[in-house]
Amino acid sequence: MGTYINEAITELRHVRWPTRQQAIRLSVITIGFTTAVAIAFGGIDYVLNQIVKVLLSLTY
């Protein structure tokens, strides 16, 4: 187990970590994309919900 931990730490030293600005920029892009997709899916859900309501009102 000790060897595994030492090797893991050695590998982490080889990782090229992003700068603070890169991390912030990528986080903003991720949050923006996620928000846009959520709004798009919400709009699609709303439209489909209205279509189902209209179809159900026609049958009763």
Protein backbone atom coordinates (compact mmCIF):
# COMPACT_ATOMS: atom_id res chain seq x y z
CA MET A 1 0.00 0.00 0.00
CA GLY A 2 2.87 2.36 0.80
CA THR A 3 4.42 1.77 -2.62
CA TYR A 4 1.11 2.58 -4.30
CA ILE A 5 0.78 5.87 -2.40
CA ASN A 6 4.38 6.86 -3.17
CA GLU A 7 3.90 6.11 -6.87
CA ALA A 8 0.64 8.04 -6.92
CA ILE A 9 2.35 11.07 -5.37
CA THR A 10 5.19 10.77 -7.90
CA GLU A 11 2.67 10.73 -10.77
CA LEU A 12 0.85 13.76 -9.35
CA ARG A 13 4.12 15.70 -9.50
CA HIS A 14 4.20 15.07 -13.26
CA VAL A 15 0.72 16.53 -13.78
CA ARG A 16 0.65 19.92 -15.48
CA TRP A 17 -1.91 21.79 -13.41
CA PRO A 18 -3.85 24.66 -15.02
CA THR A 19 -3.11 28.22 -14.01
CA ARG A 20 -5.64 30.13 -11.95
CA GLN A 21 -6.83 32.04 -15.03
CA GLN A 22 -7.21 28.86 -17.07
CA ALA A 23 -9.20 27.20 -14.28
CA ILE A 24 -11.50 30.23 -13.97
CA ARG A 25 -11.99 30.47 -17.74
CA LEU A 26 -12.77 26.77 -18.09
CA SER A 27 -15.14 26.91 -15.11
CA VAL A 28 -17.04 29.85 -16.64
CA ILE A 29 -17.28 28.01 -19.98
CA THR A 30 -18.58 24.89 -18.23
CA ILE A 31 -21.16 26.79 -16.18
CA GLY A 32 -22.30 28.75 -19.26
CA PHE A 33 -22.64 25.63 -21.39
CA THR A 34 -24.50 23.78 -18.65
CA THR A 35 -26.88 26.71 -18.18
CA ALA A 36 -27.53 26.96 -21.93
CA VAL A 37 -28.26 23.24 -22.23
CA ALA A 38 -30.54 23.34 -19.17
CA ILE A 39 -32.51 26.24 -20.67
CA ALA A 40 -32.76 24.45 -24.03
CA PHE A 41 -33.99 21.22 -22.41
CA GLY A 42 -36.40 23.21 -20.24
CA GLY A 43 -37.82 24.88 -23.34
CA ILE A 44 -38.19 21.57 -25.15
CA ASP A 45 -39.86 20.07 -22.08
CA TYR A 46 -42.28 22.98 -21.86
CA VAL A 47 -43.24 22.74 -25.54
CA LEU A 48 -43.73 18.97 -25.37
CA ASN A 49 -45.77 19.38 -22.19
CA GLN A 50 -48.08 21.85 -23.93
CA ILE A 51 -48.47 19.49 -26.91
CA VAL A 52 -49.41 16.60 -24.61
CA LYS A 53 -51.94 18.80 -22.78
CA VAL A 54 -53.57 19.78 -26.07
CA LEU A 55 -53.67 16.16 -27.25
CA LEU A 56 -55.16 14.99 -23.96
CA SER A 57 -57.80 17.72 -24.00
CA LEU A 58 -58.91 16.55 -27.46
CA THR A 59 -59.58 13.03 -26.28
CA TYR A 60 -61.72 13.95 -23.24
